Amino acid sequence: MGVLEDYQGQGIATKLFNKAFEWAKEVGISRLGLTVMKGNDKAFNLYRKMGFVLEGERVQSLRVGGEFVNEYYLYKLL
């Protein structure tokens, strides 16, 4: 999920997450997980604000622009 930069800071991502949480509960999902590249502080901070907990870090898990980057794993219990 993503929000275009021109529309960030307007609460759109928060609304999208809340709808996703609602839907997940309705269909019986009790645990959500996501990953984010280390260094994507904007997204990481949003996920923490939405209640996601850092589960771990996978070292050099993605190759971006010819370089390996680490990836954070987060989860949220509903």
PDB file of N, CA and C in Angstrom:
ATOM      1  N   MET A   1       0.844  -1.155   0.000  1.00  0.00           N
ATOM      2  CA  MET A   1       0.000   0.000   0.000  1.00  0.00           C
ATOM      3  C   MET A   1       0.896   1.227   0.000  1.00  0.00           C
ATOM      4  N   GLY A   2       0.457   2.250  -0.678  1.00  0.00           N
ATOM      5  CA  GLY A   2       1.221   3.479  -0.686  1.00  0.00           C
ATOM      6  C   GLY A   2       0.321   4.669  -0.958  1.00  0.00           C
ATOM      7  N   VAL A   3       0.782   5.830  -0.568  1.00  0.00           N
ATOM      8  CA  VAL A   3       0.072   7.083  -0.817  1.00  0.00           C
ATOM      9  C   VAL A   3       1.038   7.991  -1.566  1.00  0.00           C
ATOM     10  N   LEU A   4       0.582   8.539  -2.678  1.00  0.00           N
ATOM     11  CA  LEU A   4       1.429   9.444  -3.451  1.00  0.00           C
ATOM     12  C   LEU A   4       1.922  10.591  -2.580  1.00  0.00           C
ATOM     13  N   GLU A   5       3.138  11.013  -2.837  1.00  0.00           N
ATOM     14  CA  GLU A   5       3.780  12.025  -1.994  1.00  0.00           C
ATOM     15  C   GLU A   5       2.945  13.301  -1.860  1.00  0.00           C
ATOM     16  N   ASP A   6       2.295  13.715  -2.949  1.00  0.00           N
ATOM     17  CA  ASP A   6       1.474  14.934  -2.903  1.00  0.00           C
ATOM     18  C   ASP A   6       0.314  14.829  -1.917  1.00  0.00           C
ATOM     19  N   TYR A   7      -0.080  13.608  -1.571  1.00  0.00           N
ATOM     20  CA  TYR A   7      -1.237  13.395  -0.702  1.00  0.00           C
ATOM     21  C   TYR A   7      -0.851  12.921   0.699  1.00  0.00           C
ATOM     22  N   GLN A   8       0.435  12.795   0.957  1.00  0.00           N
ATOM     23  CA  GLN A   8       0.877  12.341   2.277  1.00  0.00           C
ATOM     24  C   GLN A   8       0.641  13.419   3.319  1.00  0.00           C
ATOM     25  N   GLY A   9       0.466  12.978   4.562  1.00  0.00           N
ATOM     26  CA  GLY A   9       0.252  13.909   5.659  1.00  0.00           C
ATOM     27  C   GLY A   9      -1.186  14.364   5.817  1.00  0.00           C
ATOM     28  N   GLN A  10      -2.108  13.723   5.083  1.00  0.00           N
ATOM     29  CA  GLN A  10      -3.521  14.090   5.138  1.00  0.00           C
ATOM     30  C   GLN A  10      -4.372  13.036   5.839  1.00  0.00           C
ATOM     31  N   GLY A  11      -3.731  12.020   6.408  1.00  0.00           N
ATOM     32  CA  GLY A  11      -4.475  10.982   7.113  1.00  0.00           C
ATOM     33  C   GLY A  11      -5.003   9.865   6.228  1.00  0.00           C
ATOM     34  N   ILE A  12      -4.631   9.867   4.961  1.00  0.00           N
ATOM     35  CA  ILE A  12      -5.136   8.858   4.028  1.00  0.00           C
ATOM     36  C   ILE A  12      -4.643   7.468   4.408  1.00  0.00           C
ATOM     37  N   ALA A  13      -3.357   7.335   4.691  1.00  0.00           N
ATOM     38  CA  ALA A  13      -2.801   6.023   5.052  1.00  0.00           C
ATOM     39  C   ALA A  13      -3.435   5.504   6.338  1.00  0.00           C
ATOM     40  N   THR A  14      -3.666   6.386   7.295  1.00  0.00           N
ATOM     41  CA  THR A  14      -4.300   5.978   8.552  1.00  0.00           C
ATOM     42  C   THR A  14      -5.694   5.432   8.286  1.00  0.00           C
ATOM     43  N   LYS A  15      -6.453   6.108   7.429  1.00  0.00           N
ATOM     44  CA  LYS A  15      -7.802   5.639   7.080  1.00  0.00           C
ATOM     45  C   LYS A  15      -7.741   4.295   6.360  1.00  0.00           C
ATOM     46  N   LEU A  16      -6.781   4.148   5.446  1.00  0.00           N
ATOM     47  CA  LEU A  16      -6.634   2.878   4.726  1.00  0.00           C
ATOM     48  C   LEU A  16      -6.299   1.742   5.688  1.00  0.00           C
ATOM     49  N   PHE A  17      -5.379   1.987   6.602  1.00  0.00           N
ATOM     50  CA  PHE A  17      -5.030   0.961   7.584  1.00  0.00           C
ATOM     51  C   PHE A  17      -6.227   0.600   8.451  1.00  0.00           C
ATOM     52  N   ASN A  18      -6.960   1.596   8.919  1.00  0.00           N
ATOM     53  CA  ASN A  18      -8.114   1.309   9.771  1.00  0.00           C
ATOM     54  C   ASN A  18      -9.158   0.476   9.040  1.00  0.00           C
ATOM     55  N   LYS A  19      -9.381   0.746   7.757  1.00  0.00           N
ATOM     56  CA  LYS A  19     -10.301  -0.071   6.952  1.00  0.00           C
ATOM     57  C   LYS A  19      -9.761  -1.495   6.812  1.00  0.00           C
ATOM     58  N   ALA A  20      -8.460  -1.614   6.594  1.00  0.00           N
ATOM     59  CA  ALA A  20      -7.847  -2.944   6.474  1.00  0.00           C
ATOM     60  C   ALA A  20      -7.979  -3.716   7.780  1.00  0.00           C
ATOM     61  N   PHE A  21      -7.777  -3.049   8.914  1.00  0.00           N
ATOM     62  CA  PHE A  21      -7.922  -3.704  10.215  1.00  0.00           C
ATOM     63  C   PHE A  21      -9.361  -4.174  10.411  1.00  0.00           C
ATOM     64  N   GLU A  22     -10.320  -3.322  10.049  1.00  0.00           N
ATOM     65  CA  GLU A  22     -11.744  -3.665  10.145  1.00  0.00           C
ATOM     66  C   GLU A  22     -12.046  -4.919   9.336  1.00  0.00           C
ATOM     67  N   TRP A  23     -11.619  -4.898   8.071  1.00  0.00           N
ATOM     68  CA  TRP A  23     -11.872  -6.027   7.179  1.00  0.00           C
ATOM     69  C   TRP A  23     -11.230  -7.301   7.726  1.00  0.00           C
ATOM     70  N   ALA A  24      -9.984  -7.206   8.162  1.00  0.00           N
ATOM     71  CA  ALA A  24      -9.274  -8.383   8.670  1.00  0.00           C
ATOM     72  C   ALA A  24     -10.026  -9.001   9.845  1.00  0.00           C
ATOM     73  N   LYS A  25     -10.513  -8.172  10.745  1.00  0.00           N
ATOM     74  CA  LYS A  25     -11.276  -8.682  11.891  1.00  0.00           C
ATOM     75  C   LYS A  25     -12.555  -9.365  11.429  1.00  0.00           C
ATOM     76  N   GLU A  26     -13.238  -8.762  10.444  1.00  0.00           N
ATOM     77  CA  GLU A  26     -14.490  -9.323   9.922  1.00  0.00           C
ATOM     78  C   GLU A  26     -14.292 -10.714   9.339  1.00  0.00           C
ATOM     79  N   VAL A  27     -13.151 -10.950   8.715  1.00  0.00           N
ATOM     80  CA  VAL A  27     -12.914 -12.248   8.073  1.00  0.00           C
ATOM     81  C   VAL A  27     -12.103 -13.195   8.946  1.00  0.00           C
ATOM     82  N   GLY A  28     -11.860 -12.802  10.197  1.00  0.00           N
ATOM     83  CA  GLY A  28     -11.221 -13.708  11.146  1.00  0.00           C
ATOM     84  C   GLY A  28      -9.707 -13.705  11.163  1.00  0.00           C
ATOM     85  N   ILE A  29      -9.096 -12.689  10.599  1.00  0.00           N
ATOM     86  CA  ILE A  29      -7.635 -12.589  10.639  1.00  0.00           C
ATOM     87  C   ILE A  29      -7.245 -11.923  11.954  1.00  0.00           C
ATOM     88  N   SER A  30      -6.307 -12.525  12.666  1.00  0.00           N
ATOM     89  CA  SER A  30      -5.939 -11.982  13.978  1.00  0.00           C
ATOM     90  C   SER A  30      -4.499 -11.460  14.039  1.00  0.00           C
ATOM     91  N   ARG A  31      -3.733 -11.718  12.975  1.00  0.00           N
ATOM     92  CA  ARG A  31      -2.341 -11.243  12.960  1.00  0.00           C
ATOM     93  C   ARG A  31      -2.007 -10.739  11.570  1.00  0.00           C
ATOM     94  N   LEU A  32      -1.458  -9.531  11.513  1.00  0.00           N
ATOM     95  CA  LEU A  32      -1.021  -8.948  10.252  1.00  0.00           C
ATOM     96  C   LEU A  32       0.487  -8.771  10.290  1.00  0.00           C
ATOM     97  N   GLY A  33       1.114  -8.904   9.148  1.00  0.00           N
ATOM     98  CA  GLY A  33       2.551  -8.707   9.066  1.00  0.00           C
ATOM     99  C   GLY A  33       2.904  -7.872   7.850  1.00  0.00           C
ATOM    100  N   LEU A  34       4.019  -7.185   7.936  1.00  0.00           N
ATOM    101  CA  LEU A  34       4.499  -6.405   6.804  1.00  0.00           C
ATOM    102  C   LEU A  34       6.006  -6.257   6.894  1.00  0.00           C
ATOM    103  N   THR A  35       6.590  -5.830   5.788  1.00  0.00           N
ATOM    104  CA  THR A  35       8.025  -5.559   5.754  1.00  0.00           C
ATOM    105  C   THR A  35       8.238  -4.155   5.202  1.00  0.00           C
ATOM    106  N   VAL A  36       9.355  -3.571   5.582  1.00  0.00           N
ATOM    107  CA  VAL A  36       9.723  -2.250   5.082  1.00  0.00           C
ATOM    108  C   VAL A  36      11.246  -2.180   5.025  1.00  0.00           C
ATOM    109  N   MET A  37      11.749  -1.540   3.979  1.00  0.00           N
ATOM    110  CA  MET A  37      13.198  -1.395   3.857  1.00  0.00           C
ATOM    111  C   MET A  37      13.737  -0.507   4.967  1.00  0.00           C
ATOM    112  N   LYS A  38      14.850  -0.920   5.537  1.00  0.00           N
ATOM    113  CA  LYS A  38      15.536  -0.082   6.524  1.00  0.00           C
ATOM    114  C   LYS A  38      15.897   1.233   5.835  1.00  0.00           C
ATOM    115  N   GLY A  39      15.652   2.325   6.512  1.00  0.00           N
ATOM    116  CA  GLY A  39      15.919   3.634   5.935  1.00  0.00           C
ATOM    117  C   GLY A  39      14.670   4.334   5.432  1.00  0.00           C
ATOM    118  N   ASN A  40      13.569   3.584   5.286  1.00  0.00           N
ATOM    119  CA  ASN A  40      12.301   4.197   4.899  1.00  0.00           C
ATOM    120  C   ASN A  40      11.602   4.643   6.183  1.00  0.00           C
ATOM    121  N   ASP A  41      12.149   5.685   6.785  1.00  0.00           N
ATOM    122  CA  ASP A  41      11.699   6.125   8.110  1.00  0.00           C
ATOM    123  C   ASP A  41      10.253   6.595   8.121  1.00  0.00           C
ATOM    124  N   LYS A  42       9.812   7.242   7.049  1.00  0.00           N
ATOM    125  CA  LYS A  42       8.432   7.725   6.978  1.00  0.00           C
ATOM    126  C   LYS A  42       7.456   6.558   7.125  1.00  0.00           C
ATOM    127  N   ALA A  43       7.678   5.511   6.344  1.00  0.00           N
ATOM    128  CA  ALA A  43       6.797   4.342   6.397  1.00  0.00           C
ATOM    129  C   ALA A  43       6.941   3.624   7.737  1.00  0.00           C
ATOM    130  N   PHE A  44       8.172   3.434   8.187  1.00  0.00           N
ATOM    131  CA  PHE A  44       8.408   2.733   9.451  1.00  0.00           C
ATOM    132  C   PHE A  44       7.684   3.437  10.598  1.00  0.00           C
ATOM    133  N   ASN A  45       7.791   4.753  10.654  1.00  0.00           N
ATOM    134  CA  ASN A  45       7.131   5.508  11.726  1.00  0.00           C
ATOM    135  C   ASN A  45       5.613   5.416  11.631  1.00  0.00           C
ATOM    136  N   LEU A  46       5.082   5.418  10.414  1.00  0.00           N
ATOM    137  CA  LEU A  46       3.637   5.247  10.239  1.00  0.00           C
ATOM    138  C   LEU A  46       3.198   3.885  10.764  1.00  0.00           C
ATOM    139  N   TYR A  47       3.926   2.836  10.394  1.00  0.00           N
ATOM    140  CA  TYR A  47       3.553   1.481  10.828  1.00  0.00           C
ATOM    141  C   TYR A  47       3.582   1.373  12.346  1.00  0.00           C
ATOM    142  N   ARG A  48       4.586   1.964  12.974  1.00  0.00           N
ATOM    143  CA  ARG A  48       4.651   1.948  14.446  1.00  0.00           C
ATOM    144  C   ARG A  48       3.464   2.706  15.038  1.00  0.00           C
ATOM    145  N   LYS A  49       3.131   3.852  14.445  1.00  0.00           N
ATOM    146  CA  LYS A  49       1.981   4.641  14.900  1.00  0.00           C
ATOM    147  C   LYS A  49       0.685   3.830  14.794  1.00  0.00           C
ATOM    148  N   MET A  50       0.602   2.972  13.786  1.00  0.00           N
ATOM    149  CA  MET A  50      -0.595   2.164  13.570  1.00  0.00           C
ATOM    150  C   MET A  50      -0.604   0.906  14.435  1.00  0.00           C
ATOM    151  N   GLY A  51       0.390   0.748  15.296  1.00  0.00           N
ATOM    152  CA  GLY A  51       0.387  -0.355  16.249  1.00  0.00           C
ATOM    153  C   GLY A  51       1.221  -1.562  15.869  1.00  0.00           C
ATOM    154  N   PHE A  52       1.963  -1.475  14.776  1.00  0.00           N
ATOM    155  CA  PHE A  52       2.822  -2.587  14.391  1.00  0.00           C
ATOM    156  C   PHE A  52       4.057  -2.612  15.288  1.00  0.00           C
ATOM    157  N   VAL A  53       4.524  -3.815  15.571  1.00  0.00           N
ATOM    158  CA  VAL A  53       5.658  -4.042  16.468  1.00  0.00           C
ATOM    159  C   VAL A  53       6.809  -4.619  15.649  1.00  0.00           C
ATOM    160  N   LEU A  54       8.011  -4.125  15.899  1.00  0.00           N
ATOM    161  CA  LEU A  54       9.190  -4.645  15.202  1.00  0.00           C
ATOM    162  C   LEU A  54       9.462  -6.066  15.667  1.00  0.00           C
ATOM    163  N   GLU A  55       9.478  -6.978  14.707  1.00  0.00           N
ATOM    164  CA  GLU A  55       9.715  -8.392  14.998  1.00  0.00           C
ATOM    165  C   GLU A  55      11.171  -8.769  14.757  1.00  0.00           C
ATOM    166  N   GLY A  56      11.779  -8.151  13.759  1.00  0.00           N
ATOM    167  CA  GLY A  56      13.169  -8.470  13.465  1.00  0.00           C
ATOM    168  C   GLY A  56      13.659  -7.746  12.227  1.00  0.00           C
ATOM    169  N   GLU A  57      14.912  -8.001  11.914  1.00  0.00           N
ATOM    170  CA  GLU A  57      15.557  -7.374  10.762  1.00  0.00           C
ATOM    171  C   GLU A  57      16.255  -8.459   9.954  1.00  0.00           C
ATOM    172  N   ARG A  58      15.978  -8.477   8.678  1.00  0.00           N
ATOM    173  CA  ARG A  58      16.652  -9.423   7.789  1.00  0.00           C
ATOM    174  C   ARG A  58      17.762  -8.662   7.067  1.00  0.00           C
ATOM    175  N   VAL A  59      18.965  -9.152   7.222  1.00  0.00           N
ATOM    176  CA  VAL A  59      20.147  -8.457   6.714  1.00  0.00           C
ATOM    177  C   VAL A  59      20.325  -8.741   5.224  1.00  0.00           C
ATOM    178  N   GLN A  60      20.581  -7.684   4.469  1.00  0.00           N
ATOM    179  CA  GLN A  60      20.848  -7.761   3.026  1.00  0.00           C
ATOM    180  C   GLN A  60      19.827  -8.639   2.306  1.00  0.00           C
ATOM    181  N   SER A  61      18.554  -8.384   2.572  1.00  0.00           N
ATOM    182  CA  SER A  61      17.496  -9.234   2.025  1.00  0.00           C
ATOM    183  C   SER A  61      16.983  -8.770   0.670  1.00  0.00           C
ATOM    184  N   LEU A  62      17.220  -7.517   0.330  1.00  0.00           N
ATOM    185  CA  LEU A  62      16.729  -6.972  -0.939  1.00  0.00           C
ATOM    186  C   LEU A  62      17.873  -6.314  -1.696  1.00  0.00           C
ATOM    187  N   ARG A  63      17.779  -6.399  -2.999  1.00  0.00           N
ATOM    188  CA  ARG A  63      18.774  -5.710  -3.825  1.00  0.00           C
ATOM    189  C   ARG A  63      18.080  -4.527  -4.494  1.00  0.00           C
ATOM    190  N   VAL A  64      18.549  -3.331  -4.183  1.00  0.00           N
ATOM    191  CA  VAL A  64      17.949  -2.109  -4.713  1.00  0.00           C
ATOM    192  C   VAL A  64      19.056  -1.279  -5.355  1.00  0.00           C
ATOM    193  N   GLY A  65      18.900  -1.006  -6.630  1.00  0.00           N
ATOM    194  CA  GLY A  65      19.905  -0.203  -7.325  1.00  0.00           C
ATOM    195  C   GLY A  65      21.289  -0.812  -7.287  1.00  0.00           C
ATOM    196  N   GLY A  66      21.357  -2.137  -7.320  1.00  0.00           N
ATOM    197  CA  GLY A  66      22.642  -2.819  -7.318  1.00  0.00           C
ATOM    198  C   GLY A  66      23.258  -3.011  -5.948  1.00  0.00           C
ATOM    199  N   GLU A  67      22.598  -2.516  -4.902  1.00  0.00           N
ATOM    200  CA  GLU A  67      23.116  -2.651  -3.536  1.00  0.00           C
ATOM    201  C   GLU A  67      22.126  -3.430  -2.678  1.00  0.00           C
ATOM    202  N   PHE A  68      22.662  -4.188  -1.747  1.00  0.00           N
ATOM    203  CA  PHE A  68      21.800  -4.917  -0.823  1.00  0.00           C
ATOM    204  C   PHE A  68      21.384  -4.012   0.328  1.00  0.00           C
ATOM    205  N   VAL A  69      20.122  -4.144   0.738  1.00  0.00           N
ATOM    206  CA  VAL A  69      19.601  -3.366   1.864  1.00  0.00           C
ATOM    207  C   VAL A  69      18.909  -4.308   2.846  1.00  0.00           C
ATOM    208  N   ASN A  70      18.841  -3.876   4.080  1.00  0.00           N
ATOM    209  CA  ASN A  70      18.161  -4.652   5.117  1.00  0.00           C
ATOM    210  C   ASN A  70      16.667  -4.356   5.084  1.00  0.00           C
ATOM    211  N   GLU A  71      15.919  -5.271   5.681  1.00  0.00           N
ATOM    212  CA  GLU A  71      14.464  -5.179   5.680  1.00  0.00           C
ATOM    213  C   GLU A  71      13.957  -5.444   7.095  1.00  0.00           C
ATOM    214  N   TYR A  72      13.049  -4.594   7.561  1.00  0.00           N
ATOM    215  CA  TYR A  72      12.422  -4.799   8.865  1.00  0.00           C
ATOM    216  C   TYR A  72      11.142  -5.618   8.694  1.00  0.00           C
ATOM    217  N   TYR A  73      10.894  -6.501   9.640  1.00  0.00           N
ATOM    218  CA  TYR A  73       9.654  -7.273   9.706  1.00  0.00           C
ATOM    219  C   TYR A  73       8.858  -6.766  10.902  1.00  0.00           C
ATOM    220  N   LEU A  74       7.594  -6.437  10.672  1.00  0.00           N
ATOM    221  CA  LEU A  74       6.723  -5.937  11.734  1.00  0.00           C
ATOM    222  C   LEU A  74       5.434  -6.750  11.755  1.00  0.00           C
ATOM    223  N   TYR A  75       4.761  -6.768  12.903  1.00  0.00           N
ATOM    224  CA  TYR A  75       3.479  -7.461  13.015  1.00  0.00           C
ATOM    225  C   TYR A  75       2.540  -6.670  13.913  1.00  0.00           C
ATOM    226  N   LYS A  76       1.263  -6.995  13.783  1.00  0.00           N
ATOM    227  CA  LYS A  76       0.232  -6.390  14.636  1.00  0.00           C
ATOM    228  C   LYS A  76      -0.801  -7.457  14.937  1.00  0.00           C
ATOM    229  N   LEU A  77      -1.120  -7.617  16.216  1.00  0.00           N
ATOM    230  CA  LEU A  77      -2.190  -8.516  16.621  1.00  0.00           C
ATOM    231  C   LEU A  77      -3.480  -7.716  16.687  1.00  0.00           C
ATOM    232  N   LEU A  78      -4.539  -8.294  16.135  1.00  0.00           N
ATOM    233  CA  LEU A  78      -5.829  -7.591  16.127  1.00  0.00           C
ATOM    234  C   LEU A  78      -6.726  -8.074  17.246  1.00  0.00           C
TER     235      LEU A  78
END
